[in-house]
Structures are given as structure tokens and as C-alpha cells.
């Protein structure tokens, strides 16, 4: 593993982790019977292809395409969250 790979991976990991993600993880765990660890691991598996798709959308459609994609995924998350409340 090269130094560049470690630095870019660590940087990306630190960039992805944000207070919004921590808050949503807390809310999901609080309002469901699923453990926080299970939620995080399953969410990680689901999010990797979505992140890759977002990179493709950004490359083809720019910032506005990526923002549109973000709005769609946020609405989808909100719609799914109503199922566990």
C-alpha cells in the first residue's frame, strides 16, 4: 500500500464523516431495534455504490447534477425513515 493511497483514503474517510451523518445514525438507532453497529455496517455496504454513482453523475453533469442527485437521495432517505417511526 503506497503512502499516496493511505493519505487519500484517510482524507476521504475524514471528509465523509460529518455531524449530519452522526445525527442520522443516532436517529435511526433511536427509532429502530437495530443496533448502531449493524446500521453503520449495512449503510456502508449500501453507500459505496451510491457514492460511486454520485462521482459519475458529477463527472457527466457537474455540480448541479450532483446536487440534484443529493436531493433525490435525501428525499429517499426521508421516505424510508418514515417506515420505522
C-alpha atoms as a PDB file:
ATOM      1  CA  UNK A   1       0.000   0.000   0.000  1.00  0.00           C
ATOM      2  CA  UNK A   2       1.501   3.287  -1.057  1.00  0.00           C
ATOM      3  CA  UNK A   3       1.743   6.474   1.001  1.00  0.00           C
ATOM      4  CA  UNK A   4      -0.476   8.267  -1.514  1.00  0.00           C
ATOM      5  CA  UNK A   5      -3.197   5.616  -1.203  1.00  0.00           C
ATOM      6  CA  UNK A   6      -3.136   5.828   2.593  1.00  0.00           C
ATOM      7  CA  UNK A   7      -3.328   9.637   2.559  1.00  0.00           C
ATOM      8  CA  UNK A   8      -6.161   9.780   0.026  1.00  0.00           C
ATOM      9  CA  UNK A   9      -8.110   7.030   1.809  1.00  0.00           C
ATOM     10  CA  UNK A  10      -7.707   8.683   5.197  1.00  0.00           C
ATOM     11  CA  UNK A  11      -8.607  12.090   3.779  1.00  0.00           C
ATOM     12  CA  UNK A  12     -11.733  10.715   2.134  1.00  0.00           C
ATOM     13  CA  UNK A  13     -12.736   8.893   5.307  1.00  0.00           C
ATOM     14  CA  UNK A  14     -12.381  12.076   7.348  1.00  0.00           C
ATOM     15  CA  UNK A  15     -14.276  14.063   4.741  1.00  0.00           C
ATOM     16  CA  UNK A  16     -17.205  11.630   4.602  1.00  0.00           C
ATOM     17  CA  UNK A  17     -17.686  11.565   8.373  1.00  0.00           C
ATOM     18  CA  UNK A  18     -19.709  14.607   9.344  1.00  0.00           C
ATOM     19  CA  UNK A  19     -22.106  15.710  12.128  1.00  0.00           C
ATOM     20  CA  UNK A  20     -25.094  15.195   9.823  1.00  0.00           C
ATOM     21  CA  UNK A  21     -24.173  11.541   9.318  1.00  0.00           C
ATOM     22  CA  UNK A  22     -23.662  11.033  13.052  1.00  0.00           C
ATOM     23  CA  UNK A  23     -27.030  12.646  13.763  1.00  0.00           C
ATOM     24  CA  UNK A  24     -28.866  10.478  11.260  1.00  0.00           C
ATOM     25  CA  UNK A  25     -27.164   7.347  12.598  1.00  0.00           C
ATOM     26  CA  UNK A  26     -28.290   8.288  16.103  1.00  0.00           C
ATOM     27  CA  UNK A  27     -31.873   8.925  14.953  1.00  0.00           C
ATOM     28  CA  UNK A  28     -32.035   5.631  13.046  1.00  0.00           C
ATOM     29  CA  UNK A  29     -30.719   3.697  16.036  1.00  0.00           C
ATOM     30  CA  UNK A  30     -33.004   5.504  18.475  1.00  0.00           C
ATOM     31  CA  UNK A  31     -36.164   4.813  16.467  1.00  0.00           C
ATOM     32  CA  UNK A  32     -35.452   1.221  15.493  1.00  0.00           C
ATOM     33  CA  UNK A  33     -34.490  -2.016  17.178  1.00  0.00           C
ATOM     34  CA  UNK A  34     -31.377  -2.357  15.003  1.00  0.00           C
ATOM     35  CA  UNK A  35     -28.021  -1.831  16.701  1.00  0.00           C
ATOM     36  CA  UNK A  36     -25.935   1.160  15.728  1.00  0.00           C
ATOM     37  CA  UNK A  37     -23.058  -1.052  14.565  1.00  0.00           C
ATOM     38  CA  UNK A  38     -25.341  -3.053  12.278  1.00  0.00           C
ATOM     39  CA  UNK A  39     -26.829   0.158  10.902  1.00  0.00           C
ATOM     40  CA  UNK A  40     -23.379   1.565  10.148  1.00  0.00           C
ATOM     41  CA  UNK A  41     -22.067  -1.623   8.515  1.00  0.00           C
ATOM     42  CA  UNK A  42     -25.130  -2.160   6.340  1.00  0.00           C
ATOM     43  CA  UNK A  43     -25.207   1.545   5.477  1.00  0.00           C
ATOM     44  CA  UNK A  44     -21.564   1.343   4.448  1.00  0.00           C
ATOM     45  CA  UNK A  45     -22.288  -1.536   2.080  1.00  0.00           C
ATOM     46  CA  UNK A  46     -25.214   0.350   0.542  1.00  0.00           C
ATOM     47  CA  UNK A  47     -23.433   3.704   0.341  1.00  0.00           C
ATOM     48  CA  UNK A  48     -20.327   2.652  -1.610  1.00  0.00           C
ATOM     49  CA  UNK A  49     -22.157   2.081  -4.927  1.00  0.00           C
ATOM     50  CA  UNK A  50     -24.208   5.244  -4.351  1.00  0.00           C
ATOM     51  CA  UNK A  51     -21.030   7.295  -3.812  1.00  0.00           C
ATOM     52  CA  UNK A  52     -19.539   5.850  -6.988  1.00  0.00           C
ATOM     53  CA  UNK A  53     -22.733   6.720  -8.868  1.00  0.00           C
ATOM     54  CA  UNK A  54     -22.571  10.268  -7.495  1.00  0.00           C
ATOM     55  CA  UNK A  55     -18.995  10.622  -8.777  1.00  0.00           C
ATOM     56  CA  UNK A  56     -20.169   9.524 -12.225  1.00  0.00           C
ATOM     57  CA  UNK A  57     -23.103  11.957 -12.114  1.00  0.00           C
ATOM     58  CA  UNK A  58     -20.774  14.779 -11.047  1.00  0.00           C
ATOM     59  CA  UNK A  59     -18.380  13.958 -13.876  1.00  0.00           C
ATOM     60  CA  UNK A  60     -21.132  13.987 -16.512  1.00  0.00           C
ATOM     61  CA  UNK A  61     -23.467  16.717 -15.221  1.00  0.00           C
ATOM     62  CA  UNK A  62     -21.324  18.846 -12.931  1.00  0.00           C
ATOM     63  CA  UNK A  63     -22.302  20.408  -9.629  1.00  0.00           C
ATOM     64  CA  UNK A  64     -25.997  20.840 -10.472  1.00  0.00           C
ATOM     65  CA  UNK A  65     -26.311  17.202 -11.466  1.00  0.00           C
ATOM     66  CA  UNK A  66     -24.634  16.110  -8.232  1.00  0.00           C
ATOM     67  CA  UNK A  67     -26.855  18.420  -6.173  1.00  0.00           C
ATOM     68  CA  UNK A  68     -29.941  17.018  -7.885  1.00  0.00           C
ATOM     69  CA  UNK A  69     -28.722  13.518  -7.098  1.00  0.00           C
ATOM     70  CA  UNK A  70     -28.175  14.548  -3.444  1.00  0.00           C
ATOM     71  CA  UNK A  71     -31.711  15.908  -3.189  1.00  0.00           C
ATOM     72  CA  UNK A  72     -33.113  12.684  -4.623  1.00  0.00           C
ATOM     73  CA  UNK A  73     -31.125  10.524  -2.193  1.00  0.00           C
ATOM     74  CA  UNK A  74     -32.104  12.741   0.764  1.00  0.00           C
ATOM     75  CA  UNK A  75     -35.772  12.510  -0.168  1.00  0.00           C
ATOM     76  CA  UNK A  76     -35.393   8.746  -0.496  1.00  0.00           C
ATOM     77  CA  UNK A  77     -33.818   8.545   2.968  1.00  0.00           C
ATOM     78  CA  UNK A  78     -36.622  10.633   4.475  1.00  0.00           C
ATOM     79  CA  UNK A  79     -39.237   8.473   2.776  1.00  0.00           C
ATOM     80  CA  UNK A  80     -37.591   5.300   4.105  1.00  0.00           C
ATOM     81  CA  UNK A  81     -37.237   6.740   7.615  1.00  0.00           C
ATOM     82  CA  UNK A  82     -40.989   7.213   7.927  1.00  0.00           C
ATOM     83  CA  UNK A  83     -41.312   3.431   7.705  1.00  0.00           C
ATOM     84  CA  UNK A  84     -39.602   2.867  11.084  1.00  0.00           C
ATOM     85  CA  UNK A  85     -41.223   5.642  13.111  1.00  0.00           C
END
